[in-house]
N, C-alpha and C. Protein backbone atom coordinates (compact mmCIF):
# COMPACT_ATOMS: atom_id res chain seq x y z
N MET A 1 112.76 62.71 137.24
CA MET A 1 112.47 61.37 137.97
C MET A 1 113.81 60.97 138.21
N ASN A 2 114.12 59.85 138.93
CA ASN A 2 115.20 59.42 139.46
C ASN A 2 115.81 58.01 138.20
N ARG A 3 116.62 58.55 137.83
CA ARG A 3 117.26 57.84 136.08
C ARG A 3 117.42 56.38 136.84
N LYS A 4 117.92 56.23 137.85
CA LYS A 4 118.48 54.85 138.16
C LYS A 4 117.15 53.54 138.04
N LYS A 5 116.61 54.28 139.20
CA LYS A 5 114.94 54.05 139.20
C LYS A 5 114.52 53.96 137.83
N PHE A 6 114.14 54.59 136.66
CA PHE A 6 113.30 54.54 135.51
C PHE A 6 114.07 53.52 134.83
N LEU A 7 115.56 53.20 134.94
CA LEU A 7 116.41 51.97 134.35
C LEU A 7 115.97 50.95 134.74
N THR A 8 115.71 50.98 136.05
CA THR A 8 115.04 49.37 136.91
C THR A 8 113.78 48.87 136.22
N THR A 9 112.90 49.90 136.38
CA THR A 9 111.56 49.87 136.12
C THR A 9 111.09 49.58 134.80
N SER A 10 112.10 50.36 133.92
CA SER A 10 111.89 49.99 132.08
C SER A 10 112.81 48.77 132.05
N GLY A 11 113.12 47.95 132.67
CA GLY A 11 113.86 46.70 132.07
C GLY A 11 115.28 47.35 131.45
N LEU A 12 115.53 48.49 131.42
CA LEU A 12 116.80 48.81 130.50
C LEU A 12 118.23 48.92 131.20
N VAL A 13 118.01 48.19 132.14
CA VAL A 13 119.48 48.11 132.96
C VAL A 13 120.54 47.58 132.50
N GLY A 14 120.60 46.78 131.88
CA GLY A 14 121.52 45.63 130.79
C GLY A 14 122.01 47.14 129.49
N LEU A 15 120.92 47.48 128.88
CA LEU A 15 121.00 48.06 127.64
C LEU A 15 121.80 49.80 128.22
N ALA A 16 121.61 50.00 129.58
CA ALA A 16 122.41 51.69 129.99
C ALA A 16 123.65 51.55 129.02
N LEU A 17 124.42 50.67 129.11
CA LEU A 17 125.60 50.65 129.20
C LEU A 17 125.94 50.89 127.86
N PHE A 18 124.84 50.51 126.62
CA PHE A 18 125.06 50.53 124.88
C PHE A 18 123.96 51.38 124.66
N LEU A 19 123.17 52.33 125.17
CA LEU A 19 122.50 52.58 124.79
C LEU A 19 123.25 54.68 124.60
N PRO A 20 123.09 55.36 123.65
CA PRO A 20 123.24 56.57 123.23
C PRO A 20 123.06 57.53 124.38
N LYS A 21 123.73 58.55 124.84
CA LYS A 21 123.37 59.15 126.04
C LYS A 21 121.87 60.30 125.72
N ASN A 22 121.56 60.39 124.55
CA ASN A 22 120.43 60.81 124.04
C ASN A 22 119.26 60.37 124.44
N ILE A 23 119.47 58.74 124.27
CA ILE A 23 118.28 58.08 124.46
C ILE A 23 117.97 58.12 126.29
N LEU A 24 118.96 58.23 127.17
CA LEU A 24 118.81 57.65 128.47
C LEU A 24 118.08 59.04 129.01
N ALA A 25 118.29 60.21 128.38
CA ALA A 25 117.25 61.61 128.86
C ALA A 25 115.75 61.41 129.07
N MET A 26 115.43 60.05 128.65
CA MET A 26 113.76 59.43 128.59
C MET A 26 113.36 59.42 130.01
N ASP A 27 111.81 60.24 130.07
CA ASP A 27 111.74 60.55 131.68
C ASP A 27 110.95 59.89 131.80
N ASN A 28 110.37 58.68 131.52
CA ASN A 28 109.01 57.53 131.69
C ASN A 28 109.34 56.49 130.94
N VAL A 29 108.75 55.50 131.35
CA VAL A 29 108.15 54.01 130.96
C VAL A 29 107.31 54.19 129.48
N PRO A 30 107.25 53.65 128.04
CA PRO A 30 106.39 53.91 127.24
C PRO A 30 104.97 53.67 127.83
N LYS A 31 104.48 54.84 126.89
CA LYS A 31 103.10 54.91 127.05
C LYS A 31 102.05 54.40 126.01
N LYS A 32 101.58 52.67 126.65
CA LYS A 32 100.66 51.84 125.33
C LYS A 32 99.25 52.53 125.16
N LEU A 33 99.12 53.08 124.00
CA LEU A 33 97.58 53.32 124.03
C LEU A 33 96.95 52.25 123.01
N TYR A 34 95.50 51.73 123.21
CA TYR A 34 94.73 50.92 122.66
C TYR A 34 93.40 51.55 121.68
N PHE A 35 93.39 51.29 120.54
CA PHE A 35 92.44 51.67 120.14
C PHE A 35 91.28 50.86 118.94
N LYS A 36 90.12 50.95 119.59
CA LYS A 36 89.31 49.70 118.83
C LYS A 36 88.75 50.18 117.63
N ASP A 37 88.61 49.35 116.81
CA ASP A 37 88.33 49.31 115.05
C ASP A 37 86.87 50.20 115.41
N ASP A 38 86.71 51.33 114.55
CA ASP A 38 85.34 52.20 115.03
C ASP A 38 84.21 52.37 113.54
N GLY A 39 84.53 51.30 112.46
CA GLY A 39 84.27 51.10 111.01
C GLY A 39 84.55 51.64 110.40
N LYS A 40 85.51 52.48 110.77
CA LYS A 40 86.28 53.59 109.33
C LYS A 40 87.49 53.25 109.46
N ILE A 41 88.26 53.35 110.54
CA ILE A 41 89.73 53.36 110.96
C ILE A 41 89.68 52.04 111.25
N PRO A 42 90.59 50.84 111.56
CA PRO A 42 90.38 49.62 112.03
C PRO A 42 91.24 49.45 112.76
N ASN A 43 92.16 50.48 113.35
CA ASN A 43 93.12 50.48 114.27
C ASN A 43 93.46 49.22 114.71
N SER A 44 94.22 48.86 115.80
CA SER A 44 95.27 47.58 115.64
C SER A 44 95.28 46.65 117.12
N LYS A 45 95.34 45.70 117.27
CA LYS A 45 95.36 44.76 118.53
C LYS A 45 96.37 44.86 119.61
N TYR A 46 97.48 45.97 118.82
CA TYR A 46 98.65 46.29 118.91
C TYR A 46 98.82 47.63 119.62
N PRO A 47 99.30 48.05 120.70
CA PRO A 47 99.59 49.35 121.05
C PRO A 47 100.20 50.44 120.21
N LEU A 48 99.28 51.67 120.54
CA LEU A 48 100.17 52.36 119.85
C LEU A 48 101.70 53.62 121.37
N ILE A 49 102.77 53.15 120.83
CA ILE A 49 103.75 53.46 121.67
C ILE A 49 104.17 54.43 121.93
N LEU A 50 104.00 55.93 122.47
CA LEU A 50 104.64 56.96 123.17
C LEU A 50 105.70 57.06 124.35
N TYR A 51 106.66 57.43 123.54
CA TYR A 51 107.84 57.37 124.02
C TYR A 51 108.50 59.28 124.44
N LYS A 52 107.72 59.63 125.68
CA LYS A 52 108.23 61.05 125.51
C LYS A 52 109.07 61.65 126.24
N ASN A 53 109.73 62.36 125.83
CA ASN A 53 110.94 62.80 126.32
C ASN A 53 112.43 61.98 125.66
N ALA A 54 111.86 61.36 124.99
CA ALA A 54 112.99 60.14 124.29
C ALA A 54 114.38 60.53 124.20
N PHE A 55 114.22 61.32 123.63
CA PHE A 55 116.23 61.97 123.08
C PHE A 55 115.97 63.61 123.09
N SER A 56 117.56 64.05 123.23
CA SER A 56 117.78 64.95 123.64
C SER A 56 117.99 66.28 122.20
N GLU A 57 118.48 65.65 121.45
CA GLU A 57 118.87 66.64 120.07
C GLU A 57 117.85 67.14 119.59
N THR A 58 117.89 68.37 118.85
CA THR A 58 116.55 69.42 118.03
C THR A 58 116.77 69.26 116.76
N GLY A 59 116.22 69.83 116.47
CA GLY A 59 116.50 70.78 115.17
C GLY A 59 117.16 69.91 113.70
N ARG A 60 117.98 70.53 113.33
CA ARG A 60 118.73 69.63 112.17
C ARG A 60 119.14 68.48 112.50
N SER A 61 119.79 68.72 113.19
CA SER A 61 120.81 67.76 114.24
C SER A 61 119.99 66.85 114.92
N GLY A 62 118.68 66.84 115.75
CA GLY A 62 118.04 65.86 116.15
C GLY A 62 117.45 65.07 115.07
N ALA A 63 117.01 65.61 113.85
CA ALA A 63 116.62 64.88 112.59
C ALA A 63 117.54 64.02 112.79
N SER A 64 118.94 64.47 111.94
CA SER A 64 119.58 63.83 111.78
C SER A 64 120.10 62.82 112.46
N TRP A 65 120.14 62.75 113.68
CA TRP A 65 120.19 61.82 114.87
C TRP A 65 118.99 61.02 114.77
N LEU A 66 117.93 61.15 114.41
CA LEU A 66 116.78 60.30 114.65
C LEU A 66 116.77 58.95 113.24
N GLU A 67 116.97 59.85 112.31
CA GLU A 67 117.35 59.26 110.83
C GLU A 67 118.10 57.96 110.76
N ASN A 68 119.38 58.33 111.71
CA ASN A 68 120.68 57.40 111.68
C ASN A 68 120.10 56.72 113.21
N ARG A 69 119.61 56.60 114.12
CA ARG A 69 119.45 55.81 115.02
C ARG A 69 118.16 54.69 114.48
N PHE A 70 117.58 54.95 113.60
CA PHE A 70 116.19 54.32 113.02
C PHE A 70 116.67 53.73 111.75
N LEU A 71 117.71 54.41 111.22
CA LEU A 71 118.36 53.03 110.06
C LEU A 71 118.95 51.84 111.08
N GLU A 72 120.03 52.61 112.18
CA GLU A 72 120.19 51.51 112.77
C GLU A 72 119.51 50.49 113.55
N ASN A 73 118.45 50.61 113.52
CA ASN A 73 117.34 49.24 113.86
C ASN A 73 116.77 48.96 112.72
N ASN A 74 116.57 49.01 112.01
CA ASN A 74 116.64 48.71 110.23
C ASN A 74 115.04 49.17 110.39
N TRP A 75 115.02 50.73 110.52
CA TRP A 75 113.93 51.09 110.18
C TRP A 75 113.79 52.52 109.47
N SER A 76 113.86 52.66 107.86
CA SER A 76 114.26 53.21 107.11
C SER A 76 113.21 53.81 106.20
N ASN A 77 113.50 53.88 104.60
CA ASN A 77 112.51 54.78 103.77
C ASN A 77 112.13 56.34 104.52
N SER A 78 112.92 57.01 105.24
CA SER A 78 112.65 57.78 106.26
C SER A 78 112.50 59.16 105.15
N TRP A 79 112.07 60.11 105.83
CA TRP A 79 111.27 61.38 105.77
C TRP A 79 111.14 62.35 106.77
N ARG A 80 111.38 63.75 105.87
CA ARG A 80 111.46 64.52 106.84
C ARG A 80 110.23 65.90 106.53
N ASN A 81 109.03 66.10 107.46
CA ASN A 81 108.27 66.30 107.56
C ASN A 81 107.07 66.78 108.61
N GLY A 82 106.03 66.76 108.24
CA GLY A 82 104.87 66.97 109.33
C GLY A 82 104.18 65.47 109.47
N ILE A 83 103.25 66.12 109.89
CA ILE A 83 101.44 64.80 110.18
C ILE A 83 100.28 65.39 109.08
N TYR A 84 99.90 64.50 108.19
CA TYR A 84 98.82 65.33 107.76
C TYR A 84 97.44 65.65 108.38
N SER A 85 96.56 66.11 108.26
CA SER A 85 95.81 67.15 108.74
C SER A 85 94.76 66.37 108.66
N PHE A 86 94.37 65.13 108.31
CA PHE A 86 92.91 64.00 108.10
C PHE A 86 93.37 63.45 108.81
N HIS A 87 92.45 62.04 108.83
CA HIS A 87 92.47 61.35 110.09
C HIS A 87 92.87 60.13 108.63
N HIS A 88 94.28 58.98 109.32
CA HIS A 88 94.88 58.37 108.04
C HIS A 88 95.43 57.31 108.66
N TYR A 89 95.56 56.09 107.82
CA TYR A 89 96.17 55.15 108.65
C TYR A 89 96.99 54.15 107.12
N HIS A 90 97.77 53.68 107.78
CA HIS A 90 98.62 52.63 106.57
C HIS A 90 98.16 50.94 106.83
N SER A 91 98.42 50.93 106.00
CA SER A 91 97.74 48.86 105.89
C SER A 91 98.91 48.28 105.44
N ILE A 92 99.79 48.48 104.87
CA ILE A 92 101.02 47.90 104.48
C ILE A 92 102.50 48.08 105.22
N SER A 93 102.79 48.90 105.96
CA SER A 93 103.59 49.28 106.98
C SER A 93 103.17 49.75 108.62
N HIS A 94 103.88 49.26 109.32
CA HIS A 94 103.95 49.91 111.04
C HIS A 94 104.70 51.47 110.84
N GLU A 95 104.67 52.35 111.52
CA GLU A 95 105.44 53.84 111.33
C GLU A 95 106.16 53.94 112.21
N VAL A 96 106.92 54.92 112.55
CA VAL A 96 107.81 55.49 113.87
C VAL A 96 107.99 56.86 113.18
N LEU A 97 107.38 58.06 114.14
CA LEU A 97 107.29 59.50 114.06
C LEU A 97 108.54 60.00 114.86
N GLY A 98 109.47 60.42 114.75
CA GLY A 98 110.34 61.32 116.07
C GLY A 98 109.86 62.68 115.82
N VAL A 99 109.39 63.23 116.92
CA VAL A 99 109.70 64.75 116.37
C VAL A 99 110.62 65.73 116.68
N TYR A 100 111.75 66.30 116.00
CA TYR A 100 112.86 66.87 115.98
C TYR A 100 112.60 68.47 116.29
N SER A 101 111.26 68.75 116.17
CA SER A 101 110.92 70.66 116.52
C SER A 101 109.93 70.74 116.79
N GLY A 102 109.43 71.50 117.44
CA GLY A 102 108.10 71.99 117.48
C GLY A 102 107.59 70.95 118.34
N SER A 103 105.51 71.32 118.35
CA SER A 103 104.63 70.34 118.76
C SER A 103 103.37 70.58 117.76
N ALA A 104 102.47 69.63 118.59
CA ALA A 104 101.23 69.26 117.78
C ALA A 104 100.67 68.95 118.75
N LEU A 105 99.13 69.37 118.53
CA LEU A 105 97.91 68.40 119.18
C LEU A 105 97.49 67.34 118.01
N VAL A 106 97.87 65.79 118.73
CA VAL A 106 97.33 64.74 117.18
C VAL A 106 96.31 63.98 117.81
N HIS A 107 95.43 63.46 117.21
CA HIS A 107 94.24 62.57 117.42
C HIS A 107 94.67 61.08 116.64
N LEU A 108 94.55 60.77 117.64
CA LEU A 108 94.94 59.29 117.03
C LEU A 108 93.63 58.12 117.52
N GLY A 109 94.17 57.34 116.50
CA GLY A 109 92.71 55.81 116.62
C GLY A 109 91.11 56.50 116.38
N GLY A 110 91.47 57.63 115.41
CA GLY A 110 90.22 57.63 114.77
C GLY A 110 89.54 59.06 115.53
N GLU A 111 88.27 59.28 115.06
CA GLU A 111 87.26 60.15 115.39
C GLU A 111 86.97 59.64 117.05
N ASP A 112 86.80 58.34 117.51
CA ASP A 112 86.71 58.12 118.76
C ASP A 112 87.96 57.80 119.30
N GLY A 113 88.93 58.20 118.90
CA GLY A 113 90.46 58.45 119.58
C GLY A 113 90.80 59.20 120.88
N GLU A 114 92.13 59.00 120.82
CA GLU A 114 92.42 60.47 121.71
C GLU A 114 93.12 61.31 121.27
N LYS A 115 93.09 62.78 121.86
CA LYS A 115 94.16 63.64 121.51
C LYS A 115 95.24 63.79 122.48
N ILE A 116 96.43 63.78 121.76
CA ILE A 116 97.84 64.09 122.36
C ILE A 116 98.55 65.25 122.14
N LYS A 117 98.99 66.02 123.25
CA LYS A 117 100.05 66.75 122.63
C LYS A 117 101.67 66.00 122.61
N ILE A 118 102.33 66.56 121.03
CA ILE A 118 103.39 65.96 121.16
C ILE A 118 104.34 66.87 120.83
N GLU A 119 105.71 66.98 121.56
CA GLU A 119 106.57 67.90 121.34
C GLU A 119 108.24 67.54 120.84
N ALA A 120 109.29 68.16 120.43
CA ALA A 120 110.55 67.95 120.18
C ALA A 120 110.80 66.61 121.08
N GLY A 121 111.69 65.66 121.13
CA GLY A 121 112.04 65.04 122.00
C GLY A 121 111.23 63.39 121.64
N ASP A 122 109.69 63.60 121.47
CA ASP A 122 108.89 62.46 121.41
C ASP A 122 108.99 61.77 120.10
N VAL A 123 108.69 60.33 120.45
CA VAL A 123 108.75 59.14 119.84
C VAL A 123 107.24 58.54 119.64
N ILE A 124 106.90 58.43 118.50
CA ILE A 124 105.69 57.69 118.22
C ILE A 124 105.71 56.80 117.50
N ILE A 125 105.31 55.36 117.98
CA ILE A 125 105.31 54.22 116.99
C ILE A 125 104.20 53.56 116.57
N ILE A 126 103.52 54.13 115.68
CA ILE A 126 102.09 53.19 115.06
C ILE A 126 101.98 52.14 114.16
N PRO A 127 101.15 50.84 114.99
CA PRO A 127 100.96 50.17 114.35
C PRO A 127 100.01 50.71 113.36
N ALA A 128 100.46 49.42 112.16
CA ALA A 128 99.46 49.64 110.89
C ALA A 128 98.12 49.42 111.42
N GLY A 129 97.46 50.25 110.90
CA GLY A 129 96.16 50.26 111.09
C GLY A 129 95.44 51.21 111.98
N VAL A 130 96.39 51.96 112.49
CA VAL A 130 95.97 52.80 114.03
C VAL A 130 96.01 54.16 113.05
N GLY A 131 94.57 54.94 113.32
CA GLY A 131 94.68 56.25 112.46
C GLY A 131 95.30 57.44 113.64
N HIS A 132 95.88 58.36 112.87
CA HIS A 132 96.48 59.78 113.29
C HIS A 132 96.63 60.75 112.32
N LYS A 133 96.03 61.65 113.14
CA LYS A 133 96.19 63.27 112.17
C LYS A 133 96.50 64.26 112.99
N ASN A 134 96.89 65.11 112.07
CA ASN A 134 97.48 66.40 113.38
C ASN A 134 96.67 67.75 113.37
N LEU A 135 95.81 67.94 114.65
CA LEU A 135 95.08 68.92 114.54
C LEU A 135 95.65 70.03 114.58
N GLY A 136 96.78 70.90 114.67
CA GLY A 136 97.83 71.89 115.06
C GLY A 136 98.77 71.84 115.52
N GLY A 137 99.50 72.86 115.26
CA GLY A 137 100.89 72.73 116.36
C GLY A 137 101.68 74.15 115.62
N GLU A 138 103.09 73.82 116.68
CA GLU A 138 103.92 75.09 116.09
C GLU A 138 105.19 74.28 115.69
N ASN A 139 105.46 75.13 114.50
CA ASN A 139 107.17 74.54 113.98
C ASN A 139 107.08 72.97 114.38
N LEU A 140 106.24 72.52 113.62
CA LEU A 140 106.37 70.99 113.74
C LEU A 140 107.58 70.46 112.45
N GLY A 141 108.29 69.73 113.28
CA GLY A 141 109.19 68.75 112.57
C GLY A 141 109.29 67.44 113.00
N VAL A 142 108.79 66.33 111.60
CA VAL A 142 109.17 64.96 112.16
C VAL A 142 109.82 63.88 111.16
N VAL A 143 110.53 63.13 111.46
CA VAL A 143 111.29 62.38 111.10
C VAL A 143 110.35 60.81 110.88
N GLY A 144 109.97 60.37 109.77
CA GLY A 144 109.23 58.81 109.69
C GLY A 144 109.80 58.12 108.73
N ALA A 145 109.94 56.61 109.42
CA ALA A 145 110.65 55.88 109.10
C ALA A 145 109.49 54.33 108.74
N TYR A 146 109.86 53.28 108.69
CA TYR A 146 109.43 52.05 108.19
C TYR A 146 110.18 50.75 108.46
N PRO A 147 109.75 49.96 109.37
CA PRO A 147 110.31 48.74 109.26
C PRO A 147 110.65 48.14 108.09
N ASP A 148 112.24 47.75 108.24
CA ASP A 148 112.93 47.02 106.71
C ASP A 148 112.39 48.05 105.62
N GLY A 149 112.38 49.42 105.70
CA GLY A 149 112.13 50.03 104.41
C GLY A 149 111.37 49.92 103.58
N ARG A 150 109.80 49.45 104.62
CA ARG A 150 108.56 49.29 103.56
C ARG A 150 107.80 50.33 102.83
N LEU A 151 107.41 49.88 102.16
CA LEU A 151 106.78 51.44 101.21
C LEU A 151 105.47 51.44 102.37
N TRP A 152 105.02 52.31 101.49
CA TRP A 152 103.29 52.71 102.65
C TRP A 152 102.59 53.36 101.81
N ASP A 153 100.91 52.76 102.34
CA ASP A 153 99.89 53.44 101.70
C ASP A 153 99.37 54.44 102.52
N LEU A 154 97.85 55.20 101.94
CA LEU A 154 97.23 56.04 102.56
C LEU A 154 95.87 55.64 102.74
N ASN A 155 95.42 55.68 103.90
CA ASN A 155 94.14 54.97 103.49
C ASN A 155 93.36 56.11 104.86
N LYS A 156 91.95 56.54 104.37
CA LYS A 156 91.55 57.76 105.08
C LYS A 156 90.17 57.41 105.46
N GLY A 157 90.23 56.02 105.73
CA GLY A 157 88.59 55.26 106.23
C GLY A 157 87.58 55.67 105.50
N LEU A 158 88.00 55.38 104.37
CA LEU A 158 87.02 55.58 103.00
C LEU A 158 86.00 54.34 103.02
N PRO A 159 84.72 54.22 101.97
CA PRO A 159 84.07 52.96 101.76
C PRO A 159 84.88 52.55 100.97
N GLY A 160 85.28 51.45 100.80
CA GLY A 160 85.75 50.38 99.56
C GLY A 160 87.28 50.14 99.97
N GLU A 161 88.12 50.77 101.10
CA GLU A 161 89.50 50.44 101.53
C GLU A 161 89.43 49.31 102.35
N ARG A 162 88.23 48.42 102.90
CA ARG A 162 88.45 47.53 103.86
C ARG A 162 87.39 46.44 102.78
N PRO A 163 87.59 44.92 102.91
CA PRO A 163 88.27 44.03 103.51
C PRO A 163 89.95 44.34 102.78
N LYS A 164 90.52 44.72 102.17
CA LYS A 164 91.77 44.78 101.61
C LYS A 164 92.58 44.95 102.89
N ALA A 165 92.46 46.52 103.39
CA ALA A 165 93.27 47.15 104.07
C ALA A 165 93.36 46.30 105.69
N ASP A 166 92.40 45.15 106.22
CA ASP A 166 92.33 44.37 107.01
C ASP A 166 93.19 43.34 106.64
N GLU A 167 93.05 42.88 105.71
CA GLU A 167 93.98 41.69 104.96
C GLU A 167 95.68 42.25 105.12
N ASN A 168 95.74 43.49 104.34
CA ASN A 168 97.13 43.73 104.75
C ASN A 168 97.62 43.87 106.02
N ILE A 169 96.73 44.49 107.03
CA ILE A 169 97.60 44.67 108.12
C ILE A 169 97.50 43.38 109.11
N ASP A 170 96.48 42.02 108.76
CA ASP A 170 97.10 41.15 109.01
C ASP A 170 97.79 40.15 108.82
N GLY A 171 98.40 40.44 107.92
CA GLY A 171 99.94 39.62 106.98
C GLY A 171 100.67 40.14 107.67
N LEU A 172 101.23 41.63 108.38
CA LEU A 172 102.50 42.09 108.41
C LEU A 172 102.95 41.45 109.60
N PRO A 173 104.59 41.56 109.74
CA PRO A 173 105.07 41.05 110.86
C PRO A 173 105.43 41.85 111.72
N ILE A 174 105.18 41.79 112.87
CA ILE A 174 106.17 41.92 114.17
C ILE A 174 107.72 42.25 113.54
N PRO A 175 108.15 44.01 113.32
CA PRO A 175 109.33 44.24 113.51
C PRO A 175 110.36 43.43 114.18
N ASP A 176 111.38 43.37 113.37
CA ASP A 176 112.58 43.16 114.35
C ASP A 176 113.40 43.54 115.34
N ALA A 177 112.70 44.60 115.28
CA ALA A 177 113.25 46.19 116.78
C ALA A 177 112.94 46.81 116.26
N ASP A 178 112.63 47.79 118.10
CA ASP A 178 112.36 48.91 118.01
C ASP A 178 113.04 50.04 117.44
N PRO A 179 112.14 51.10 116.57
CA PRO A 179 113.37 51.95 116.24
C PRO A 179 113.97 52.97 116.86
N LEU A 180 113.74 52.70 117.82
CA LEU A 180 114.62 53.39 118.87
C LEU A 180 115.26 52.62 120.18
N LEU A 181 114.96 51.74 120.78
CA LEU A 181 115.47 50.93 121.67
C LEU A 181 116.08 49.51 121.18
N GLY A 182 116.28 49.27 119.91
CA GLY A 182 116.68 48.07 119.33
C GLY A 182 116.03 46.64 119.26
N THR A 183 116.77 45.58 119.50
CA THR A 183 116.33 44.45 119.48
C THR A 183 115.57 43.68 120.92
N GLU A 184 116.16 44.36 122.25
CA GLU A 184 115.64 43.82 123.27
C GLU A 184 114.94 44.41 124.13
N ASP A 185 114.14 45.61 123.49
CA ASP A 185 113.28 46.24 124.77
C ASP A 185 112.04 46.96 123.62
N GLY A 186 111.45 47.69 124.33
CA GLY A 186 110.09 48.36 123.51
C GLY A 186 109.30 47.57 122.85
N LEU A 187 109.07 47.87 122.08
CA LEU A 187 107.88 46.72 121.08
C LEU A 187 108.23 45.66 120.72
N ILE A 188 109.57 45.06 120.70
CA ILE A 188 109.64 43.31 120.73
C ILE A 188 109.22 43.03 121.79
N LYS A 189 108.67 43.72 123.22
CA LYS A 189 108.48 43.11 124.39
C LYS A 189 106.93 43.53 124.50
N ILE A 190 106.76 44.58 123.83
CA ILE A 190 105.42 45.18 123.79
C ILE A 190 104.55 44.36 123.18
N TRP A 191 104.82 44.06 121.87
CA TRP A 191 103.97 43.73 120.80
C TRP A 191 104.03 41.81 120.97
N LYS A 192 104.54 41.18 121.40
CA LYS A 192 104.58 40.10 121.19
C LYS A 192 104.42 39.57 122.26
């Protein structure tokens, strides 16, 4: 893809001078995925945001790069691991997942959602309430983080989780920055 055309169409022209070269490797505009409440998984009015090929570092250096980039944008309380192999969602925080190694097929939005292949270089911003599950992969390594270093909870769509989970989700603010692109683009424009 023509990088100049991409920067123009995605509104990143002004940011191009300030973004690390790793981010400029991104080869397309963010994919926005909407999921409806299925009765078990509440999902969200905000779209899940998927940045494909968003950064170039991989392995341990990629994990460190993600942790630092997320922290620069006030997404902290980070961890390194994978994605649970059961449907789950968080009601007290949004979440970002940066894939620094391997690949996986993930099921997003609950049973009625969508299956997406993710791989090293991808970043997923998951609004509170949106279900996610690892269906299997190879050597998957993920850095996860939360806006303002929020704590997170683990909900599985079980009876009794709602309406408290719904109240938690409704009370969450939109983060002040996109974990990858900062305060001028990404979820800042998409979720407002």
